[in-house]
Amino acid sequence: MPKLISLYIRQVAIGFAISAAFVAMLLTFNVANLWHLVSNSSEGVLAVAVMWVLNGIVFAGVQFGIAIMRMKEDDHPGGGKRQMMPVMLAEPVPVKVDRRTSQQRQIRR
C-alpha cells in the first residue's frame, strides 16, 4: 500500500477515535442536556451515531491536514544568519502643480 494511503487511513482512524472521545465527553458532561435527550428518545442511538460520524469526518480532515502540513521539508536546515536586504527609505519628492488647474477643479466641484 502506498505511504500516502496508509497515512490517510491512519489519520482517519485517529480522527474518528477523537470524535468518539468528544461525543462521549459531550454525553458525560450532559452538554445542552444531550444525555437526557438521547436516553429518553427512541432515536437516541441514531442521533449519537450521526453525531459521531459527522464529528469524525471533521476531526479526520483536520487530523490529515495537520499531518500533511507537518511533512514540510525544512528550507534552511543549517540555520545561521540571514542576509539583511537593504531597506529603501522613501524620501518626499516635490511635485509642481499648476495653480490654474487646481483652481478650475475646485470651481467645478
Protein backbone atom coordinates (compact mmCIF):
# COMPACT_ATOMS: atom_id res chain seq x y z
CA MET A 1 0.00 0.00 0.00
CA PRO A 2 1.37 3.46 -0.85
CA LYS A 3 2.63 5.54 2.06
CA LEU A 4 0.13 8.34 1.43
CA ILE A 5 -2.85 5.95 1.55
CA SER A 6 -1.65 4.33 4.77
CA LEU A 7 -1.05 7.80 6.24
CA TYR A 8 -4.60 8.82 5.27
CA ILE A 9 -6.18 5.68 6.76
CA ARG A 10 -4.19 6.12 9.99
CA GLN A 11 -5.21 9.79 10.32
CA VAL A 12 -8.87 8.98 9.62
CA ALA A 13 -8.81 6.30 12.33
CA ILE A 14 -7.27 8.80 14.76
CA GLY A 15 -9.89 11.41 13.78
CA PHE A 16 -12.78 9.02 14.42
CA ALA A 17 -11.22 7.98 17.76
CA ILE A 18 -11.04 11.64 18.75
CA SER A 19 -14.65 12.02 17.63
CA ALA A 20 -15.71 9.09 19.81
CA ALA A 21 -13.99 10.65 22.81
CA PHE A 22 -15.57 14.03 22.01
CA VAL A 23 -19.09 12.62 21.75
CA ALA A 24 -18.55 10.60 24.94
CA MET A 25 -17.47 13.75 26.76
CA LEU A 26 -20.49 15.65 25.42
CA LEU A 27 -22.80 12.97 26.76
CA THR A 28 -20.89 12.50 30.03
CA PHE A 29 -20.90 16.19 30.90
CA ASN A 30 -24.50 16.47 29.67
CA VAL A 31 -23.77 19.49 27.46
CA ALA A 32 -27.04 21.14 26.36
CA ASN A 33 -28.89 18.32 28.12
CA LEU A 34 -27.83 15.86 25.40
CA TRP A 35 -27.77 12.82 27.67
CA HIS A 36 -31.38 13.36 28.65
CA LEU A 37 -32.42 13.84 25.01
CA VAL A 38 -30.57 10.72 23.85
CA SER A 39 -31.60 8.46 26.71
CA ASN A 40 -35.29 9.41 26.60
CA SER A 41 -35.75 9.23 22.85
CA SER A 42 -36.31 6.18 20.66
CA GLU A 43 -33.93 7.64 18.04
CA GLY A 44 -31.20 8.40 20.59
CA VAL A 45 -28.82 5.75 19.27
CA LEU A 46 -29.21 7.12 15.74
CA ALA A 47 -28.54 10.65 16.99
CA VAL A 48 -25.34 9.55 18.73
CA ALA A 49 -24.21 7.63 15.63
CA VAL A 50 -24.85 10.64 13.36
CA MET A 51 -23.05 12.95 15.78
CA TRP A 52 -20.09 10.55 15.93
CA VAL A 53 -19.86 10.16 12.14
CA LEU A 54 -20.18 13.87 11.34
CA ASN A 55 -17.68 14.89 14.01
CA GLY A 56 -15.44 12.05 12.81
CA ILE A 57 -15.41 13.49 9.30
CA VAL A 58 -14.41 16.89 10.63
CA PHE A 59 -11.76 15.60 13.03
CA ALA A 60 -10.34 13.22 10.42
CA GLY A 61 -9.98 16.07 7.92
CA VAL A 62 -8.26 18.28 10.46
CA GLN A 63 -6.00 15.44 11.58
CA PHE A 64 -4.99 14.66 7.99
CA GLY A 65 -4.38 18.35 7.25
CA ILE A 66 -2.10 18.67 10.26
CA ALA A 67 -0.21 15.51 9.25
CA ILE A 68 0.31 16.78 5.70
CA MET A 69 1.50 20.20 6.86
CA ARG A 70 3.97 18.64 9.27
CA MET A 71 5.59 16.82 6.32
CA LYS A 72 7.06 20.10 5.03
CA GLU A 73 10.75 19.98 4.34
CA ASP A 74 12.95 22.47 6.14
CA ASP A 75 14.13 25.17 3.72
CA HIS A 76 17.08 26.26 5.86
CA PRO A 77 18.26 23.24 7.84
CA GLY A 78 21.62 24.76 8.78
CA GLY A 79 20.28 27.89 10.44
CA GLY A 80 22.72 30.77 10.69
CA LYS A 81 22.45 34.46 9.95
CA ARG A 82 20.03 35.77 7.43
CA GLN A 83 21.31 38.20 4.87
CA MET A 84 19.78 41.57 5.52
CA MET A 85 18.29 43.20 2.47
CA PRO A 86 18.92 46.93 2.18
CA VAL A 87 15.89 48.95 3.20
CA MET A 88 14.88 51.66 0.77
CA LEU A 89 13.73 54.73 2.68
CA ALA A 90 11.15 56.80 0.87
CA GLU A 91 12.06 60.46 0.50
CA PRO A 92 9.45 63.08 -0.37
CA VAL A 93 9.71 64.47 -3.89
CA PRO A 94 8.33 67.92 -4.65
CA VAL A 95 5.63 67.94 -7.34
CA LYS A 96 4.79 71.11 -9.26
CA VAL A 97 1.08 71.91 -9.53
CA ASP A 98 -0.33 74.45 -11.92
CA ARG A 99 -2.49 76.88 -9.90
CA ARG A 100 -5.00 77.40 -12.66
CA THR A 101 -5.65 73.68 -12.95
CA SER A 102 -6.22 73.23 -9.21
CA GLN A 103 -8.50 76.35 -9.07
CA GLN A 104 -10.55 75.10 -12.01
CA ARG A 105 -11.09 71.76 -10.27
CA GLN A 106 -12.33 73.50 -7.13
CA ILE A 107 -14.79 75.63 -9.15
CA ARG A 108 -16.23 72.62 -10.99
CA ARG A 109 -16.99 70.79 -7.74
